[in-house]
Amino acid sequence: MANIHFFPEKNPATGDKLTFVLIFVPGFALFFVLALLGQLIGVHWKSWLPGAENTTNVFAGVKAAVYTFMSHII
């Protein structure tokens, strides 16, 4: 029987990693500034960010918000 390949030989994951980084890093920076600003002002900033309602610290809240944001745009 012939050896048939249905998948291309190139690794498309490299482009996916770059796309992930190009979306995650600016999103993290933007949401981190919003969270930090809210923390400094003294308001309940977790309700501003999608997915950050049940987190314990700023970094976990921002990370959850970025992943929620990314799931909506991809």
PDB file of N, CA and C in Angstrom:
ATOM      1  N   MET A   1       0.836  -1.162   0.000  1.00  0.00           N
ATOM      2  CA  MET A   1       0.000   0.000   0.000  1.00  0.00           C
ATOM      3  C   MET A   1       0.894   1.242   0.000  1.00  0.00           C
ATOM      4  N   ALA A   2       0.459   2.286  -0.654  1.00  0.00           N
ATOM      5  CA  ALA A   2       1.236   3.519  -0.757  1.00  0.00           C
ATOM      6  C   ALA A   2       1.232   4.272   0.565  1.00  0.00           C
ATOM      7  N   ASN A   3       2.320   4.933   0.828  1.00  0.00           N
ATOM      8  CA  ASN A   3       2.458   5.718   2.034  1.00  0.00           C
ATOM      9  C   ASN A   3       1.951   7.133   1.742  1.00  0.00           C
ATOM     10  N   ILE A   4       0.725   7.454   2.185  1.00  0.00           N
ATOM     11  CA  ILE A   4       0.088   8.727   1.874  1.00  0.00           C
ATOM     12  C   ILE A   4       0.103   9.612   3.118  1.00  0.00           C
ATOM     13  N   HIS A   5       0.555  10.851   2.928  1.00  0.00           N
ATOM     14  CA  HIS A   5       0.584  11.819   4.023  1.00  0.00           C
ATOM     15  C   HIS A   5      -0.517  12.849   3.792  1.00  0.00           C
ATOM     16  N   PHE A   6      -1.349  13.049   4.780  1.00  0.00           N
ATOM     17  CA  PHE A   6      -2.409  14.037   4.679  1.00  0.00           C
ATOM     18  C   PHE A   6      -2.029  15.364   5.314  1.00  0.00           C
ATOM     19  N   PHE A   7      -0.953  15.395   6.054  1.00  0.00           N
ATOM     20  CA  PHE A   7      -0.541  16.603   6.734  1.00  0.00           C
ATOM     21  C   PHE A   7       0.706  17.169   6.066  1.00  0.00           C
ATOM     22  N   PRO A   8       0.789  18.490   5.956  1.00  0.00           N
ATOM     23  CA  PRO A   8       1.978  19.089   5.342  1.00  0.00           C
ATOM     24  C   PRO A   8       3.207  18.865   6.217  1.00  0.00           C
ATOM     25  N   GLU A   9       4.352  18.919   5.597  1.00  0.00           N
ATOM     26  CA  GLU A   9       5.610  18.663   6.292  1.00  0.00           C
ATOM     27  C   GLU A   9       6.059  19.850   7.145  1.00  0.00           C
ATOM     28  N   LYS A  10       5.662  21.062   6.782  1.00  0.00           N
ATOM     29  CA  LYS A  10       6.071  22.234   7.546  1.00  0.00           C
ATOM     30  C   LYS A  10       5.364  22.258   8.889  1.00  0.00           C
ATOM     31  N   ASN A  11       5.996  22.918   9.843  1.00  0.00           N
ATOM     32  CA  ASN A  11       5.450  23.021  11.184  1.00  0.00           C
ATOM     33  C   ASN A  11       4.693  24.351  11.313  1.00  0.00           C
ATOM     34  N   PRO A  12       3.353  24.338  11.260  1.00  0.00           N
ATOM     35  CA  PRO A  12       2.612  25.594  11.361  1.00  0.00           C
ATOM     36  C   PRO A  12       2.568  26.151  12.781  1.00  0.00           C
ATOM     37  N   ALA A  13       3.036  25.411  13.758  1.00  0.00           N
ATOM     38  CA  ALA A  13       2.985  25.860  15.142  1.00  0.00           C
ATOM     39  C   ALA A  13       3.877  27.079  15.379  1.00  0.00           C
ATOM     40  N   THR A  14       4.901  27.280  14.572  1.00  0.00           N
ATOM     41  CA  THR A  14       5.786  28.428  14.734  1.00  0.00           C
ATOM     42  C   THR A  14       5.020  29.725  14.528  1.00  0.00           C
ATOM     43  N   GLY A  15       4.192  29.793  13.507  1.00  0.00           N
ATOM     44  CA  GLY A  15       3.380  30.977  13.264  1.00  0.00           C
ATOM     45  C   GLY A  15       2.335  31.169  14.345  1.00  0.00           C
ATOM     46  N   ASP A  16       1.812  30.074  14.877  1.00  0.00           N
ATOM     47  CA  ASP A  16       0.832  30.163  15.950  1.00  0.00           C
ATOM     48  C   ASP A  16       1.450  30.729  17.221  1.00  0.00           C
ATOM     49  N   LYS A  17       2.687  30.356  17.507  1.00  0.00           N
ATOM     50  CA  LYS A  17       3.366  30.881  18.692  1.00  0.00           C
ATOM     51  C   LYS A  17       3.592  32.378  18.574  1.00  0.00           C
ATOM     52  N   LEU A  18       3.990  32.823  17.393  1.00  0.00           N
ATOM     53  CA  LEU A  18       4.224  34.246  17.166  1.00  0.00           C
ATOM     54  C   LEU A  18       2.916  35.023  17.282  1.00  0.00           C
ATOM     55  N   THR A  19       1.851  34.498  16.724  1.00  0.00           N
ATOM     56  CA  THR A  19       0.550  35.140  16.830  1.00  0.00           C
ATOM     57  C   THR A  19       0.099  35.218  18.274  1.00  0.00           C
ATOM     58  N   PHE A  20       0.307  34.142  19.021  1.00  0.00           N
ATOM     59  CA  PHE A  20      -0.057  34.127  20.439  1.00  0.00           C
ATOM     60  C   PHE A  20       0.689  35.216  21.194  1.00  0.00           C
ATOM     61  N   VAL A  21       1.984  35.327  20.962  1.00  0.00           N
ATOM     62  CA  VAL A  21       2.794  36.321  21.672  1.00  0.00           C
ATOM     63  C   VAL A  21       2.387  37.735  21.261  1.00  0.00           C
ATOM     64  N   LEU A  22       2.107  37.946  19.979  1.00  0.00           N
ATOM     65  CA  LEU A  22       1.740  39.275  19.506  1.00  0.00           C
ATOM     66  C   LEU A  22       0.375  39.721  20.014  1.00  0.00           C
ATOM     67  N   ILE A  23      -0.462  38.794  20.427  1.00  0.00           N
ATOM     68  CA  ILE A  23      -1.753  39.148  21.022  1.00  0.00           C
ATOM     69  C   ILE A  23      -1.649  39.184  22.544  1.00  0.00           C
ATOM     70  N   PHE A  24      -0.956  38.211  23.134  1.00  0.00           N
ATOM     71  CA  PHE A  24      -0.914  38.090  24.590  1.00  0.00           C
ATOM     72  C   PHE A  24      -0.172  39.245  25.247  1.00  0.00           C
ATOM     73  N   VAL A  25       0.987  39.593  24.748  1.00  0.00           N
ATOM     74  CA  VAL A  25       1.829  40.608  25.408  1.00  0.00           C
ATOM     75  C   VAL A  25       1.162  41.989  25.423  1.00  0.00           C
ATOM     76  N   PRO A  26       0.675  42.518  24.288  1.00  0.00           N
ATOM     77  CA  PRO A  26      -0.008  43.823  24.377  1.00  0.00           C
ATOM     78  C   PRO A  26      -1.293  43.762  25.206  1.00  0.00           C
ATOM     79  N   GLY A  27      -2.020  42.647  25.111  1.00  0.00           N
ATOM     80  CA  GLY A  27      -3.227  42.501  25.917  1.00  0.00           C
ATOM     81  C   GLY A  27      -2.909  42.475  27.399  1.00  0.00           C
ATOM     82  N   PHE A  28      -1.852  41.755  27.770  1.00  0.00           N
ATOM     83  CA  PHE A  28      -1.441  41.700  29.167  1.00  0.00           C
ATOM     84  C   PHE A  28      -1.035  43.081  29.652  1.00  0.00           C
ATOM     85  N   ALA A  29      -0.275  43.807  28.832  1.00  0.00           N
ATOM     86  CA  ALA A  29       0.170  45.145  29.228  1.00  0.00           C
ATOM     87  C   ALA A  29      -1.023  46.085  29.415  1.00  0.00           C
ATOM     88  N   LEU A  30      -1.983  46.040  28.506  1.00  0.00           N
ATOM     89  CA  LEU A  30      -3.146  46.908  28.602  1.00  0.00           C
ATOM     90  C   LEU A  30      -3.991  46.576  29.825  1.00  0.00           C
ATOM     91  N   PHE A  31      -4.292  45.306  30.019  1.00  0.00           N
ATOM     92  CA  PHE A  31      -5.101  44.920  31.165  1.00  0.00           C
ATOM     93  C   PHE A  31      -4.358  45.126  32.482  1.00  0.00           C
ATOM     94  N   PHE A  32      -3.032  44.977  32.470  1.00  0.00           N
ATOM     95  CA  PHE A  32      -2.257  45.206  33.687  1.00  0.00           C
ATOM     96  C   PHE A  32      -2.301  46.679  34.081  1.00  0.00           C
ATOM     97  N   VAL A  33      -2.203  47.568  33.110  1.00  0.00           N
ATOM     98  CA  VAL A  33      -2.287  49.000  33.402  1.00  0.00           C
ATOM     99  C   VAL A  33      -3.668  49.335  33.972  1.00  0.00           C
ATOM    100  N   LEU A  34      -4.722  48.767  33.386  1.00  0.00           N
ATOM    101  CA  LEU A  34      -6.069  49.004  33.912  1.00  0.00           C
ATOM    102  C   LEU A  34      -6.211  48.488  35.346  1.00  0.00           C
ATOM    103  N   ALA A  35      -5.709  47.290  35.596  1.00  0.00           N
ATOM    104  CA  ALA A  35      -5.796  46.716  36.933  1.00  0.00           C
ATOM    105  C   ALA A  35      -4.960  47.505  37.935  1.00  0.00           C
ATOM    106  N   LEU A  36      -3.778  47.903  37.535  1.00  0.00           N
ATOM    107  CA  LEU A  36      -2.919  48.676  38.422  1.00  0.00           C
ATOM    108  C   LEU A  36      -3.529  50.035  38.726  1.00  0.00           C
ATOM    109  N   LEU A  37      -4.094  50.672  37.718  1.00  0.00           N
ATOM    110  CA  LEU A  37      -4.766  51.944  37.920  1.00  0.00           C
ATOM    111  C   LEU A  37      -5.943  51.783  38.877  1.00  0.00           C
ATOM    112  N   GLY A  38      -6.738  50.750  38.680  1.00  0.00           N
ATOM    113  CA  GLY A  38      -7.848  50.487  39.586  1.00  0.00           C
ATOM    114  C   GLY A  38      -7.389  50.191  40.997  1.00  0.00           C
ATOM    115  N   GLN A  39      -6.298  49.462  41.128  1.00  0.00           N
ATOM    116  CA  GLN A  39      -5.749  49.143  42.450  1.00  0.00           C
ATOM    117  C   GLN A  39      -5.270  50.407  43.159  1.00  0.00           C
ATOM    118  N   LEU A  40      -4.618  51.306  42.414  1.00  0.00           N
ATOM    119  CA  LEU A  40      -4.115  52.546  43.011  1.00  0.00           C
ATOM    120  C   LEU A  40      -5.237  53.497  43.400  1.00  0.00           C
ATOM    121  N   ILE A  41      -6.288  53.523  42.604  1.00  0.00           N
ATOM    122  CA  ILE A  41      -7.424  54.398  42.904  1.00  0.00           C
ATOM    123  C   ILE A  41      -8.246  53.828  44.056  1.00  0.00           C
ATOM    124  N   GLY A  42      -8.269  52.510  44.163  1.00  0.00           N
ATOM    125  CA  GLY A  42      -8.996  51.880  45.250  1.00  0.00           C
ATOM    126  C   GLY A  42     -10.379  51.392  44.872  1.00  0.00           C
ATOM    127  N   VAL A  43     -10.598  51.142  43.596  1.00  0.00           N
ATOM    128  CA  VAL A  43     -11.900  50.643  43.149  1.00  0.00           C
ATOM    129  C   VAL A  43     -11.827  49.141  42.920  1.00  0.00           C
ATOM    130  N   HIS A  44     -12.976  48.523  42.771  1.00  0.00           N
ATOM    131  CA  HIS A  44     -13.050  47.079  42.545  1.00  0.00           C
ATOM    132  C   HIS A  44     -12.792  46.797  41.059  1.00  0.00           C
ATOM    133  N   TRP A  45     -11.533  46.642  40.688  1.00  0.00           N
ATOM    134  CA  TRP A  45     -11.130  46.519  39.292  1.00  0.00           C
ATOM    135  C   TRP A  45     -11.425  45.144  38.703  1.00  0.00           C
ATOM    136  N   LYS A  46     -11.626  44.130  39.527  1.00  0.00           N
ATOM    137  CA  LYS A  46     -11.838  42.780  39.001  1.00  0.00           C
ATOM    138  C   LYS A  46     -13.117  42.669  38.185  1.00  0.00           C
ATOM    139  N   SER A  47     -14.087  43.488  38.477  1.00  0.00           N
ATOM    140  CA  SER A  47     -15.325  43.459  37.700  1.00  0.00           C
ATOM    141  C   SER A  47     -15.140  44.109  36.327  1.00  0.00           C
ATOM    142  N   TRP A  48     -14.083  44.874  36.138  1.00  0.00           N
ATOM    143  CA  TRP A  48     -13.812  45.493  34.848  1.00  0.00           C
ATOM    144  C   TRP A  48     -13.261  44.492  33.844  1.00  0.00           C
ATOM    145  N   LEU A  49     -12.505  43.511  34.318  1.00  0.00           N
ATOM    146  CA  LEU A  49     -11.804  42.591  33.440  1.00  0.00           C
ATOM    147  C   LEU A  49     -12.576  41.290  33.279  1.00  0.00           C
ATOM    148  N   PRO A  50     -12.744  40.831  32.059  1.00  0.00           N
ATOM    149  CA  PRO A  50     -13.477  39.572  31.850  1.00  0.00           C
ATOM    150  C   PRO A  50     -12.687  38.372  32.354  1.00  0.00           C
ATOM    151  N   GLY A  51     -13.294  37.553  33.180  1.00  0.00           N
ATOM    152  CA  GLY A  51     -12.653  36.342  33.676  1.00  0.00           C
ATOM    153  C   GLY A  51     -11.829  36.524  34.934  1.00  0.00           C
ATOM    154  N   ALA A  52     -11.713  37.729  35.442  1.00  0.00           N
ATOM    155  CA  ALA A  52     -10.852  37.994  36.599  1.00  0.00           C
ATOM    156  C   ALA A  52     -11.617  38.075  37.907  1.00  0.00           C
ATOM    157  N   GLU A  53     -12.877  37.727  37.894  1.00  0.00           N
ATOM    158  CA  GLU A  53     -13.710  37.925  39.086  1.00  0.00           C
ATOM    159  C   GLU A  53     -13.288  37.072  40.274  1.00  0.00           C
ATOM    160  N   ASN A  54     -12.826  35.854  40.050  1.00  0.00           N
ATOM    161  CA  ASN A  54     -12.522  34.931  41.148  1.00  0.00           C
ATOM    162  C   ASN A  54     -11.034  34.734  41.394  1.00  0.00           C
ATOM    163  N   THR A  55     -10.221  35.664  41.008  1.00  0.00           N
ATOM    164  CA  THR A  55      -8.777  35.517  41.167  1.00  0.00           C
ATOM    165  C   THR A  55      -8.319  36.148  42.480  1.00  0.00           C
ATOM    166  N   THR A  56      -7.121  35.741  42.904  1.00  0.00           N
ATOM    167  CA  THR A  56      -6.623  36.190  44.202  1.00  0.00           C
ATOM    168  C   THR A  56      -5.638  37.346  44.122  1.00  0.00           C
ATOM    169  N   ASN A  57      -4.960  37.526  42.989  1.00  0.00           N
ATOM    170  CA  ASN A  57      -3.999  38.624  42.897  1.00  0.00           C
ATOM    171  C   ASN A  57      -4.099  39.297  41.525  1.00  0.00           C
ATOM    172  N   VAL A  58      -3.339  40.357  41.358  1.00  0.00           N
ATOM    173  CA  VAL A  58      -3.412  41.163  40.140  1.00  0.00           C
ATOM    174  C   VAL A  58      -2.936  40.376  38.929  1.00  0.00           C
ATOM    175  N   PHE A  59      -1.815  39.668  39.050  1.00  0.00           N
ATOM    176  CA  PHE A  59      -1.266  38.951  37.904  1.00  0.00           C
ATOM    177  C   PHE A  59      -2.189  37.835  37.432  1.00  0.00           C
ATOM    178  N   ALA A  60      -2.768  37.095  38.359  1.00  0.00           N
ATOM    179  CA  ALA A  60      -3.696  36.026  37.983  1.00  0.00           C
ATOM    180  C   ALA A  60      -4.945  36.603  37.341  1.00  0.00           C
ATOM    181  N   GLY A  61      -5.420  37.731  37.840  1.00  0.00           N
ATOM    182  CA  GLY A  61      -6.590  38.374  37.255  1.00  0.00           C
ATOM    183  C   GLY A  61      -6.334  38.877  35.859  1.00  0.00           C
ATOM    184  N   VAL A  62      -5.184  39.480  35.653  1.00  0.00           N
ATOM    185  CA  VAL A  62      -4.828  39.990  34.325  1.00  0.00           C
ATOM    186  C   VAL A  62      -4.626  38.834  33.355  1.00  0.00           C
ATOM    187  N   LYS A  63      -3.974  37.779  33.794  1.00  0.00           N
ATOM    188  CA  LYS A  63      -3.760  36.616  32.934  1.00  0.00           C
ATOM    189  C   LYS A  63      -5.096  35.987  32.533  1.00  0.00           C
ATOM    190  N   ALA A  64      -6.014  35.854  33.478  1.00  0.00           N
ATOM    191  CA  ALA A  64      -7.338  35.304  33.177  1.00  0.00           C
ATOM    192  C   ALA A  64      -8.088  36.208  32.210  1.00  0.00           C
ATOM    193  N   ALA A  65      -7.965  37.507  32.385  1.00  0.00           N
ATOM    194  CA  ALA A  65      -8.636  38.448  31.493  1.00  0.00           C
ATOM    195  C   ALA A  65      -8.086  38.358  30.074  1.00  0.00           C
ATOM    196  N   VAL A  66      -6.781  38.234  29.951  1.00  0.00           N
ATOM    197  CA  VAL A  66      -6.174  38.142  28.616  1.00  0.00           C
ATOM    198  C   VAL A  66      -6.594  36.858  27.918  1.00  0.00           C
ATOM    199  N   TYR A  67      -6.594  35.741  28.631  1.00  0.00           N
ATOM    200  CA  TYR A  67      -7.020  34.482  28.022  1.00  0.00           C
ATOM    201  C   TYR A  67      -8.499  34.531  27.626  1.00  0.00           C
ATOM    202  N   THR A  68      -9.337  35.172  28.442  1.00  0.00           N
ATOM    203  CA  THR A  68     -10.753  35.312  28.089  1.00  0.00           C
ATOM    204  C   THR A  68     -10.903  36.199  26.873  1.00  0.00           C
ATOM    205  N   PHE A  69     -10.167  37.297  26.843  1.00  0.00           N
ATOM    206  CA  PHE A  69     -10.187  38.204  25.693  1.00  0.00           C
ATOM    207  C   PHE A  69      -9.725  37.492  24.423  1.00  0.00           C
ATOM    208  N   MET A  70      -8.649  36.714  24.541  1.00  0.00           N
ATOM    209  CA  MET A  70      -8.118  36.013  23.371  1.00  0.00           C
ATOM    210  C   MET A  70      -9.091  34.957  22.855  1.00  0.00           C
ATOM    211  N   SER A  71      -9.834  34.323  23.732  1.00  0.00           N
ATOM    212  CA  SER A  71     -10.789  33.305  23.277  1.00  0.00           C
ATOM    213  C   SER A  71     -11.929  33.937  22.497  1.00  0.00           C
ATOM    214  N   HIS A  72     -12.183  35.218  22.723  1.00  0.00           N
ATOM    215  CA  HIS A  72     -13.249  35.893  21.975  1.00  0.00           C
ATOM    216  C   HIS A  72     -12.795  36.371  20.607  1.00  0.00           C
ATOM    217  N   ILE A  73     -11.510  36.680  20.443  1.00  0.00           N
ATOM    218  CA  ILE A  73     -11.056  37.214  19.169  1.00  0.00           C
ATOM    219  C   ILE A  73     -10.487  36.161  18.225  1.00  0.00           C
ATOM    220  N   ILE A  74     -10.134  35.010  18.752  1.00  0.00           N
ATOM    221  CA  ILE A  74      -9.546  33.985  17.880  1.00  0.00           C
ATOM    222  C   ILE A  74     -10.573  32.991  17.450  1.00  0.00           C
TER     223      ILE A  74
END
